[in-house]
Structures are given as C-alpha cells and as structure tokens.
Amino acid sequence: MRCIMRLVILVTLALRPETGMGGRAQRKQRLAEESLRPYLGRVSPEDLCDVMTCHSPIGSWCQVVTDGSGTLVPKCVCPQTCPRRGAPVCSALGKTYASECLLRKESCRKRRRTGIVHTGPCVVPREVCTDIELGQFPYRLLDWFLLLSRMGGSHASAPPPQSCLSHAQRTALAQRWFAQLDRNGDGKLSRRDLRKLRYKQMPLERCARRFLRSCDSDRNRKVTLQEWTGCLVDRSERWFQDFMSVKMGSHKLCPVSIPRL
C-alpha cells in the first residue's frame, strides 16, 4: 500500500503544471511542497521526503520539520548543524564527507548541487597499488587527462586515442595538467596538489600517492615539471611498448595523419 501511494504522488507531481511567481527554482519548490500537502496525515512525512526533489535553496535536502501549527511536514532546508555521528558518503566530486548532512551543509554554503556516488569513503585505504598497476598507471593517468580535456569540446571527427598521439602532444598534455594542478604556481607538485586527482572515476586512483613518490627522484616531497613529464610521458610510452610490442604513434596503429587536439 505504501509503494502504491508513493507511486500516485510521483505521477501527480509529474503531471501537474508549473504556476506561481518568483524565480524558477522557488516556483518549482513551492509547487513540490503544495503537491505533497494533500498527502499529509495519510503518508508519513519521511516517505514524502523520499519523493520530494529539492530545488531551493540550492544544495538543500528534504528533512522532516515542524510547521507553525505543530504538524510534521517535509521541507527542503540547509543544515545549520549536523550530528557528530553519521555514515560517511562519497560525493560526485570525489570528496568523502563524514555524513550526508555535512555534504548538504557545504553544498548549501557553496550554492551548488552535489550528488552522492555511494555510501562510504571515496577511497578505500586498505587497497594496495601493485607493481603491475603502478607500471600501467602513467598511461591510464594520461588517458584520464585526455578525457577531461575533451569534455565539453566539439570535434568534427572522433579524436585520436592516446596511443596515436605524438611524443610532443603527450608532453604538451602532461605540461598543461601540471600547470592546472600546481595551485600555488611554484613549479612543483606536492601530495596536496594531487588531491585534485583522487576521484572515484579515475582509474587506479589508489596508485596516485605511490606514483608521486616514485617521480620524486631527489626525495624532497616535491615533483618538478621535468620529473612529472618524465614520469608520465616516458613511462607511459615504455609501458605501452612492453605491453603491445609496438611504439606509441606507430604507423601500424595510426596510418592516418593525426589532427591537432
């Protein structure tokens, strides 16, 4: 019965037209709250929260609150305080929060909608980067950079894969991302700079820290541009040749001319 009632609510929300004045997000929010009002007392406010989409304030989430008449109602709010205990969650931006409440609190403060990828921390600390994975990591990291660089771009034809780029193109890609990761512009990368890479979607992210340490040839906990490009470009080419028994950019793989990125 509860499932049927929730389905009815969802259908009603989907078919009801938009009305009202004010900003678009505020109108959508008022419409969502008004659409649920007939179900108050018949459906638990917690279940009503499950079917309400929060449009305003930006980043808010649905919580059960008490209105002026003392009735428990679903309401989209920005958390002001959060309980000390909660289940950790991984955000779509790759950051781990101690609870969903803390994620919503920051989302409201920054005025952005942040989805949850899964419950639990983004990076499992017990995962170990093996020697084989470390050898493959530079190639996959360059692939990740290439994907991020092309997101939102328009291409008349399918862009070439990394294996068909020239050595100069791969070097330019590595240098461009070095500049983006070097937050303070000192020409060196630290572990803190590489935190930008620790996203759930990035392949073999558990190898990031070990990879950075291996690039730090003078053991000063900083990686220069020369160390960075040597680690990324030279190692990726070496790994690819050992794995495929052919050099990257070979005419056997890429018989046509490669357009500029």
C-alpha atoms as a PDB file:
ATOM      1  CA  MET A   1       0.000   0.000   0.000  1.00  0.00           C
ATOM      2  CA  ARG A   2       2.813   2.390   0.865  1.00  0.00           C
ATOM      3  CA  CYS A   3       4.523   1.772  -2.501  1.00  0.00           C
ATOM      4  CA  ILE A   4       1.252   2.394  -4.366  1.00  0.00           C
ATOM      5  CA  MET A   5       0.698   5.665  -2.529  1.00  0.00           C
ATOM      6  CA  ARG A   6       4.229   6.865  -3.300  1.00  0.00           C
ATOM      7  CA  LEU A   7       3.697   5.993  -6.974  1.00  0.00           C
ATOM      8  CA  VAL A   8       0.495   8.038  -7.023  1.00  0.00           C
ATOM      9  CA  ILE A   9       2.342  11.003  -5.541  1.00  0.00           C
ATOM     10  CA  LEU A  10       5.101  10.764  -8.144  1.00  0.00           C
ATOM     11  CA  VAL A  11       2.606  10.625 -11.015  1.00  0.00           C
ATOM     12  CA  THR A  12       0.719  13.610  -9.620  1.00  0.00           C
ATOM     13  CA  LEU A  13       3.921  15.643  -9.352  1.00  0.00           C
ATOM     14  CA  ALA A  14       4.923  14.747 -12.906  1.00  0.00           C
ATOM     15  CA  LEU A  15       1.562  15.777 -14.467  1.00  0.00           C
ATOM     16  CA  ARG A  16       0.907  18.960 -12.528  1.00  0.00           C
ATOM     17  CA  PRO A  17       1.797  22.172 -14.487  1.00  0.00           C
ATOM     18  CA  GLU A  18       4.040  24.932 -13.139  1.00  0.00           C
ATOM     19  CA  THR A  19       2.389  28.035 -11.705  1.00  0.00           C
ATOM     20  CA  GLY A  20       3.245  30.918  -9.440  1.00  0.00           C
ATOM     21  CA  MET A  21       5.557  33.898  -9.342  1.00  0.00           C
ATOM     22  CA  GLY A  22       9.190  34.420  -8.445  1.00  0.00           C
ATOM     23  CA  GLY A  23      12.328  32.649  -9.546  1.00  0.00           C
ATOM     24  CA  ARG A  24      12.130  29.379 -11.414  1.00  0.00           C
ATOM     25  CA  ALA A  25      13.722  27.355  -8.610  1.00  0.00           C
ATOM     26  CA  GLN A  26      11.447  28.948  -5.999  1.00  0.00           C
ATOM     27  CA  ARG A  27       8.355  28.248  -8.143  1.00  0.00           C
ATOM     28  CA  LYS A  28       9.371  24.603  -8.550  1.00  0.00           C
ATOM     29  CA  GLN A  29       9.952  24.337  -4.816  1.00  0.00           C
ATOM     30  CA  ARG A  30       6.561  25.811  -3.927  1.00  0.00           C
ATOM     31  CA  LEU A  31       4.889  23.517  -6.434  1.00  0.00           C
ATOM     32  CA  ALA A  32       6.623  20.449  -4.968  1.00  0.00           C
ATOM     33  CA  GLU A  33       5.582  21.376  -1.419  1.00  0.00           C
ATOM     34  CA  GLU A  34       1.998  22.208  -2.388  1.00  0.00           C
ATOM     35  CA  SER A  35       1.656  18.955  -4.335  1.00  0.00           C
ATOM     36  CA  LEU A  36       2.537  16.954  -1.229  1.00  0.00           C
ATOM     37  CA  ARG A  37       0.204  18.855   1.097  1.00  0.00           C
ATOM     38  CA  PRO A  38      -2.911  16.689   0.360  1.00  0.00           C
ATOM     39  CA  TYR A  39      -0.985  13.606   1.490  1.00  0.00           C
ATOM     40  CA  LEU A  40      -0.057  14.974   4.919  1.00  0.00           C
ATOM     41  CA  GLY A  41      -1.562  12.727   7.590  1.00  0.00           C
ATOM     42  CA  ARG A  42      -2.097   9.888   5.110  1.00  0.00           C
ATOM     43  CA  VAL A  43       1.560   9.268   4.270  1.00  0.00           C
ATOM     44  CA  SER A  44       4.427   9.575   6.732  1.00  0.00           C
ATOM     45  CA  PRO A  45       6.480  12.769   6.295  1.00  0.00           C
ATOM     46  CA  GLU A  46       9.621  10.618   5.929  1.00  0.00           C
ATOM     47  CA  ASP A  47       8.097   8.868   2.890  1.00  0.00           C
ATOM     48  CA  LEU A  48       7.040  12.221   1.474  1.00  0.00           C
ATOM     49  CA  CYS A  49      10.625  13.409   1.793  1.00  0.00           C
ATOM     50  CA  ASP A  50      11.746  10.419  -0.284  1.00  0.00           C
ATOM     51  CA  VAL A  51       9.687  11.612  -3.265  1.00  0.00           C
ATOM     52  CA  MET A  52      10.324  15.357  -2.995  1.00  0.00           C
ATOM     53  CA  THR A  53      13.040  16.888  -5.167  1.00  0.00           C
ATOM     54  CA  CYS A  54      14.702  19.949  -3.642  1.00  0.00           C
ATOM     55  CA  HIS A  55      15.084  22.909  -5.993  1.00  0.00           C
ATOM     56  CA  SER A  56      15.563  25.728  -3.492  1.00  0.00           C
ATOM     57  CA  PRO A  57      17.665  26.605  -1.574  1.00  0.00           C
ATOM     58  CA  ILE A  58      20.369  25.269  -3.904  1.00  0.00           C
ATOM     59  CA  GLY A  59      22.105  22.292  -2.326  1.00  0.00           C
ATOM     60  CA  SER A  60      19.374  21.702   0.263  1.00  0.00           C
ATOM     61  CA  TRP A  61      17.835  18.343   1.184  1.00  0.00           C
ATOM     62  CA  CYS A  62      14.433  17.257   2.428  1.00  0.00           C
ATOM     63  CA  GLN A  63      14.034  16.942   6.183  1.00  0.00           C
ATOM     64  CA  VAL A  64      11.014  16.470   8.435  1.00  0.00           C
ATOM     65  CA  VAL A  65      10.359  19.696  10.368  1.00  0.00           C
ATOM     66  CA  THR A  66       7.538  21.137  12.457  1.00  0.00           C
ATOM     67  CA  ASP A  67       5.460  23.895  10.849  1.00  0.00           C
ATOM     68  CA  GLY A  68       3.677  26.749  12.660  1.00  0.00           C
ATOM     69  CA  SER A  69       0.741  24.538  13.644  1.00  0.00           C
ATOM     70  CA  GLY A  70       2.958  21.846  15.139  1.00  0.00           C
ATOM     71  CA  THR A  71       2.478  19.433  12.218  1.00  0.00           C
ATOM     72  CA  LEU A  72       5.415  17.382  10.953  1.00  0.00           C
ATOM     73  CA  VAL A  73       5.975  18.271   7.276  1.00  0.00           C
ATOM     74  CA  PRO A  74       8.665  17.587   4.653  1.00  0.00           C
ATOM     75  CA  LYS A  75      10.765  20.687   3.969  1.00  0.00           C
ATOM     76  CA  CYS A  76      13.870  21.406   1.899  1.00  0.00           C
ATOM     77  CA  VAL A  77      16.373  23.021   4.243  1.00  0.00           C
ATOM     78  CA  CYS A  78      20.054  23.827   4.528  1.00  0.00           C
ATOM     79  CA  PRO A  79      21.514  22.120   7.622  1.00  0.00           C
ATOM     80  CA  GLN A  80      22.796  24.576  10.202  1.00  0.00           C
ATOM     81  CA  THR A  81      24.324  21.918  12.464  1.00  0.00           C
ATOM     82  CA  CYS A  82      24.963  18.204  11.974  1.00  0.00           C
ATOM     83  CA  PRO A  83      25.128  15.282  14.425  1.00  0.00           C
ATOM     84  CA  ARG A  84      28.625  14.169  15.329  1.00  0.00           C
ATOM     85  CA  ARG A  85      27.930  10.630  14.198  1.00  0.00           C
ATOM     86  CA  GLY A  86      26.788   9.558  10.746  1.00  0.00           C
ATOM     87  CA  ALA A  87      27.554   7.259   7.838  1.00  0.00           C
ATOM     88  CA  PRO A  88      30.315   8.589   5.547  1.00  0.00           C
ATOM     89  CA  VAL A  89      29.368   9.288   1.928  1.00  0.00           C
ATOM     90  CA  CYS A  90      31.341   9.825  -1.281  1.00  0.00           C
ATOM     91  CA  SER A  91      30.269  12.857  -3.317  1.00  0.00           C
ATOM     92  CA  ALA A  92      30.174  13.059  -7.114  1.00  0.00           C
ATOM     93  CA  LEU A  93      33.193  15.375  -6.851  1.00  0.00           C
ATOM     94  CA  GLY A  94      35.253  12.650  -5.222  1.00  0.00           C
ATOM     95  CA  LYS A  95      35.307  14.090  -1.695  1.00  0.00           C
ATOM     96  CA  THR A  96      34.459  11.982   1.369  1.00  0.00           C
ATOM     97  CA  TYR A  97      32.110  13.513   3.961  1.00  0.00           C
ATOM     98  CA  ALA A  98      31.556  12.144   7.451  1.00  0.00           C
ATOM     99  CA  SER A  99      27.783  12.267   6.832  1.00  0.00           C
ATOM    100  CA  GLU A 100      25.257  13.294   4.199  1.00  0.00           C
ATOM    101  CA  CYS A 101      24.287  16.194   6.458  1.00  0.00           C
ATOM    102  CA  LEU A 102      27.808  17.653   6.213  1.00  0.00           C
ATOM    103  CA  LEU A 103      27.753  17.244   2.423  1.00  0.00           C
ATOM    104  CA  ARG A 104      24.439  19.113   2.204  1.00  0.00           C
ATOM    105  CA  LYS A 105      25.688  21.808   4.553  1.00  0.00           C
ATOM    106  CA  GLU A 106      28.690  22.515   2.329  1.00  0.00           C
ATOM    107  CA  SER A 107      26.562  22.294  -0.831  1.00  0.00           C
ATOM    108  CA  CYS A 108      24.277  24.997   0.541  1.00  0.00           C
ATOM    109  CA  ARG A 109      27.214  27.166   1.575  1.00  0.00           C
ATOM    110  CA  LYS A 110      28.741  26.931  -1.907  1.00  0.00           C
ATOM    111  CA  ARG A 111      25.323  27.095  -3.605  1.00  0.00           C
ATOM    112  CA  ARG A 112      25.792  24.022  -5.763  1.00  0.00           C
ATOM    113  CA  ARG A 113      24.017  20.687  -6.122  1.00  0.00           C
ATOM    114  CA  THR A 114      26.305  17.802  -5.228  1.00  0.00           C
ATOM    115  CA  GLY A 115      25.200  14.228  -5.790  1.00  0.00           C
ATOM    116  CA  ILE A 116      26.234  11.187  -3.782  1.00  0.00           C
ATOM    117  CA  VAL A 117      28.072   8.412  -5.606  1.00  0.00           C
ATOM    118  CA  HIS A 118      27.812   5.853  -2.833  1.00  0.00           C
ATOM    119  CA  THR A 119      27.749   5.380   0.918  1.00  0.00           C
ATOM    120  CA  GLY A 120      31.220   5.004   2.430  1.00  0.00           C
ATOM    121  CA  PRO A 121      34.535   6.781   1.815  1.00  0.00           C
ATOM    122  CA  CYS A 122      35.622   7.545  -1.755  1.00  0.00           C
ATOM    123  CA  VAL A 123      38.985   5.832  -1.373  1.00  0.00           C
ATOM    124  CA  VAL A 124      39.355   2.560   0.499  1.00  0.00           C
ATOM    125  CA  PRO A 125      42.651   2.982   2.416  1.00  0.00           C
ATOM    126  CA  ARG A 126      43.339  -0.752   2.583  1.00  0.00           C
ATOM    127  CA  GLU A 127      43.594  -1.056  -1.204  1.00  0.00           C
ATOM    128  CA  VAL A 128      47.192  -1.587  -2.273  1.00  0.00           C
ATOM    129  CA  CYS A 129      48.719  -0.463  -5.558  1.00  0.00           C
ATOM    130  CA  THR A 130      50.576  -3.446  -7.023  1.00  0.00           C
ATOM    131  CA  ASP A 131      53.782  -3.174  -9.082  1.00  0.00           C
ATOM    132  CA  ILE A 132      51.871  -4.127 -12.226  1.00  0.00           C
ATOM    133  CA  GLU A 133      49.247  -1.442 -11.609  1.00  0.00           C
ATOM    134  CA  LEU A 134      51.943   1.143 -10.869  1.00  0.00           C
ATOM    135  CA  GLY A 135      53.591   0.373 -14.208  1.00  0.00           C
ATOM    136  CA  GLN A 136      50.290   0.879 -16.017  1.00  0.00           C
ATOM    137  CA  PHE A 137      49.265   3.960 -14.024  1.00  0.00           C
ATOM    138  CA  PRO A 138      51.087   6.667 -16.106  1.00  0.00           C
ATOM    139  CA  TYR A 139      49.403   5.517 -19.321  1.00  0.00           C
ATOM    140  CA  ARG A 140      45.946   5.452 -17.713  1.00  0.00           C
ATOM    141  CA  LEU A 141      46.506   8.789 -15.997  1.00  0.00           C
ATOM    142  CA  LEU A 142      47.318  10.399 -19.355  1.00  0.00           C
ATOM    143  CA  ASP A 143      44.193   8.761 -20.754  1.00  0.00           C
ATOM    144  CA  TRP A 144      42.222  10.346 -17.893  1.00  0.00           C
ATOM    145  CA  PHE A 145      43.727  13.779 -18.622  1.00  0.00           C
ATOM    146  CA  LEU A 146      42.870  13.345 -22.296  1.00  0.00           C
ATOM    147  CA  LEU A 147      39.259  12.527 -21.432  1.00  0.00           C
ATOM    148  CA  LEU A 148      38.904  15.531 -19.124  1.00  0.00           C
ATOM    149  CA  SER A 149      40.464  17.832 -21.737  1.00  0.00           C
ATOM    150  CA  ARG A 150      37.924  16.741 -24.356  1.00  0.00           C
ATOM    151  CA  MET A 151      34.840  17.003 -22.144  1.00  0.00           C
ATOM    152  CA  GLY A 152      32.574  19.702 -23.480  1.00  0.00           C
ATOM    153  CA  GLY A 153      34.629  20.122 -26.655  1.00  0.00           C
ATOM    154  CA  SER A 154      33.292  19.746 -30.181  1.00  0.00           C
ATOM    155  CA  HIS A 155      35.090  17.515 -32.666  1.00  0.00           C
ATOM    156  CA  ALA A 156      34.227  17.118 -36.350  1.00  0.00           C
ATOM    157  CA  SER A 157      35.597  13.588 -36.209  1.00  0.00           C
ATOM    158  CA  ALA A 158      36.433  11.150 -33.453  1.00  0.00           C
ATOM    159  CA  PRO A 159      39.521  12.403 -31.549  1.00  0.00           C
ATOM    160  CA  PRO A 160      42.567  10.122 -31.778  1.00  0.00           C
ATOM    161  CA  PRO A 161      43.362   7.829 -28.833  1.00  0.00           C
ATOM    162  CA  GLN A 162      46.417   8.492 -26.708  1.00  0.00           C
ATOM    163  CA  SER A 163      48.315   5.668 -28.443  1.00  0.00           C
ATOM    164  CA  CYS A 164      48.160   7.688 -31.688  1.00  0.00           C
ATOM    165  CA  LEU A 165      49.414  10.978 -30.256  1.00  0.00           C
ATOM    166  CA  SER A 166      52.945  12.106 -30.932  1.00  0.00           C
ATOM    167  CA  HIS A 167      55.526  12.353 -28.175  1.00  0.00           C
ATOM    168  CA  ALA A 168      55.231  16.163 -28.376  1.00  0.00           C
ATOM    169  CA  GLN A 169      51.434  16.017 -27.979  1.00  0.00           C
ATOM    170  CA  ARG A 170      51.651  13.764 -24.933  1.00  0.00           C
ATOM    171  CA  THR A 171      54.276  16.027 -23.426  1.00  0.00           C
ATOM    172  CA  ALA A 172      52.101  19.098 -24.021  1.00  0.00           C
ATOM    173  CA  LEU A 173      49.158  17.316 -22.364  1.00  0.00           C
ATOM    174  CA  ALA A 174      51.252  16.454 -19.302  1.00  0.00           C
ATOM    175  CA  GLN A 175      52.582  20.026 -19.069  1.00  0.00           C
ATOM    176  CA  ARG A 176      49.103  21.525 -19.356  1.00  0.00           C
ATOM    177  CA  TRP A 177      47.833  19.424 -16.449  1.00  0.00           C
ATOM    178  CA  PHE A 178      50.933  20.156 -14.390  1.00  0.00           C
ATOM    179  CA  ALA A 179      50.041  23.856 -14.645  1.00  0.00           C
ATOM    180  CA  GLN A 180      46.442  23.159 -13.572  1.00  0.00           C
ATOM    181  CA  LEU A 181      47.474  21.056 -10.582  1.00  0.00           C
ATOM    182  CA  ASP A 182      50.190  23.462  -9.428  1.00  0.00           C
ATOM    183  CA  ARG A 183      47.884  25.550  -7.250  1.00  0.00           C
ATOM    184  CA  ASN A 184      50.420  27.989  -5.835  1.00  0.00           C
ATOM    185  CA  GLY A 185      52.415  28.294  -9.081  1.00  0.00           C
ATOM    186  CA  ASP A 186      55.772  27.367  -7.517  1.00  0.00           C
ATOM    187  CA  GLY A 187      56.642  24.968 -10.343  1.00  0.00           C
ATOM    188  CA  LYS A 188      56.400  21.900  -8.091  1.00  0.00           C
ATOM    189  CA  LEU A 189      53.692  19.400  -7.233  1.00  0.00           C
ATOM    190  CA  SER A 190      53.068  18.032  -3.752  1.00  0.00           C
ATOM    191  CA  ARG A 191      50.708  15.371  -2.403  1.00  0.00           C
ATOM    192  CA  ARG A 192      48.280  18.152  -1.607  1.00  0.00           C
ATOM    193  CA  ASP A 193      48.203  19.243  -5.252  1.00  0.00           C
ATOM    194  CA  LEU A 194      47.428  15.700  -6.362  1.00  0.00           C
ATOM    195  CA  ARG A 195      44.311  15.558  -4.204  1.00  0.00           C
ATOM    196  CA  LYS A 196      42.501  17.001  -7.215  1.00  0.00           C
ATOM    197  CA  LEU A 197      43.077  13.654  -8.910  1.00  0.00           C
ATOM    198  CA  ARG A 198      41.608  11.480  -6.178  1.00  0.00           C
ATOM    199  CA  TYR A 199      38.235  10.977  -7.800  1.00  0.00           C
ATOM    200  CA  LYS A 200      36.332   7.734  -7.726  1.00  0.00           C
ATOM    201  CA  GLN A 201      36.036   7.776 -11.513  1.00  0.00           C
ATOM    202  CA  MET A 202      39.798   7.993 -12.101  1.00  0.00           C
ATOM    203  CA  PRO A 203      41.306   4.599 -12.970  1.00  0.00           C
ATOM    204  CA  LEU A 204      43.770   3.136 -10.458  1.00  0.00           C
ATOM    205  CA  GLU A 205      43.477   6.114  -8.136  1.00  0.00           C
ATOM    206  CA  ARG A 206      44.957   4.040  -5.316  1.00  0.00           C
ATOM    207  CA  CYS A 207      48.301   4.302  -7.149  1.00  0.00           C
ATOM    208  CA  ALA A 208      48.377   8.121  -7.161  1.00  0.00           C
ATOM    209  CA  ARG A 209      50.398   8.526  -3.960  1.00  0.00           C
ATOM    210  CA  ARG A 210      52.872   5.780  -4.798  1.00  0.00           C
ATOM    211  CA  PHE A 211      53.242   7.196  -8.313  1.00  0.00           C
ATOM    212  CA  LEU A 212      54.064  10.667  -6.967  1.00  0.00           C
ATOM    213  CA  ARG A 213      56.669   9.230  -4.597  1.00  0.00           C
ATOM    214  CA  SER A 214      58.293   7.328  -7.461  1.00  0.00           C
ATOM    215  CA  CYS A 215      58.558  10.549  -9.506  1.00  0.00           C
ATOM    216  CA  ASP A 216      60.301  12.389  -6.661  1.00  0.00           C
ATOM    217  CA  SER A 217      63.860  11.456  -7.624  1.00  0.00           C
ATOM    218  CA  ASP A 218      65.559  13.768  -5.089  1.00  0.00           C
ATOM    219  CA  ARG A 219      63.155  12.774  -2.254  1.00  0.00           C
ATOM    220  CA  ASN A 220      62.210  16.340  -1.331  1.00  0.00           C
ATOM    221  CA  ARG A 221      58.474  15.549  -1.417  1.00  0.00           C
ATOM    222  CA  LYS A 222      58.056  17.792  -4.448  1.00  0.00           C
ATOM    223  CA  VAL A 223      57.847  16.872  -8.135  1.00  0.00           C
ATOM    224  CA  THR A 224      59.188  19.303 -10.713  1.00  0.00           C
ATOM    225  CA  LEU A 225      57.863  19.709 -14.245  1.00  0.00           C
ATOM    226  CA  GLN A 226      60.803  17.728 -15.623  1.00  0.00           C
ATOM    227  CA  GLU A 227      60.198  14.874 -13.176  1.00  0.00           C
ATOM    228  CA  TRP A 228      56.479  14.976 -13.929  1.00  0.00           C
ATOM    229  CA  THR A 229      56.780  14.768 -17.715  1.00  0.00           C
ATOM    230  CA  GLY A 230      59.455  12.068 -17.440  1.00  0.00           C
ATOM    231  CA  CYS A 231      57.222  10.000 -15.182  1.00  0.00           C
ATOM    232  CA  LEU A 232      54.070  10.444 -17.222  1.00  0.00           C
ATOM    233  CA  VAL A 233      55.247  10.518 -20.822  1.00  0.00           C
ATOM    234  CA  ASP A 234      58.375   8.352 -20.799  1.00  0.00           C
ATOM    235  CA  ARG A 235      56.905   5.693 -18.520  1.00  0.00           C
ATOM    236  CA  SER A 236      53.614   5.532 -20.409  1.00  0.00           C
ATOM    237  CA  GLU A 237      55.477   5.036 -23.696  1.00  0.00           C
ATOM    238  CA  ARG A 238      57.729   2.409 -22.145  1.00  0.00           C
ATOM    239  CA  TRP A 239      54.783   0.528 -20.646  1.00  0.00           C
ATOM    240  CA  PHE A 240      52.837   0.632 -23.912  1.00  0.00           C
ATOM    241  CA  GLN A 241      55.760  -0.676 -25.951  1.00  0.00           C
ATOM    242  CA  ASP A 242      56.390  -3.519 -23.498  1.00  0.00           C
ATOM    243  CA  PHE A 243      52.683  -4.403 -23.422  1.00  0.00           C
ATOM    244  CA  MET A 244      51.870  -4.032 -27.136  1.00  0.00           C
ATOM    245  CA  SER A 245      55.337  -4.768 -28.618  1.00  0.00           C
ATOM    246  CA  VAL A 246      54.950  -1.641 -30.741  1.00  0.00           C
ATOM    247  CA  LYS A 247      55.807   2.027 -30.176  1.00  0.00           C
ATOM    248  CA  MET A 248      53.103   4.572 -29.450  1.00  0.00           C
ATOM    249  CA  GLY A 249      52.182   6.556 -32.559  1.00  0.00           C
ATOM    250  CA  SER A 250      53.419   3.796 -34.843  1.00  0.00           C
ATOM    251  CA  HIS A 251      52.033   3.730 -38.402  1.00  0.00           C
ATOM    252  CA  LYS A 252      50.972   0.159 -37.711  1.00  0.00           C
ATOM    253  CA  LEU A 253      48.427   1.561 -35.274  1.00  0.00           C
ATOM    254  CA  CYS A 254      47.815   5.027 -36.704  1.00  0.00           C
ATOM    255  CA  PRO A 255      48.207   5.067 -40.511  1.00  0.00           C
ATOM    256  CA  VAL A 256      46.497   8.440 -40.972  1.00  0.00           C
ATOM    257  CA  SER A 257      47.768  11.874 -40.001  1.00  0.00           C
ATOM    258  CA  ILE A 258      46.755  12.994 -36.529  1.00  0.00           C
ATOM    259  CA  PRO A 259      44.815  16.280 -36.261  1.00  0.00           C
ATOM    260  CA  ARG A 260      45.693  18.855 -33.656  1.00  0.00           C
ATOM    261  CA  LEU A 261      43.964  18.452 -30.277  1.00  0.00           C
END
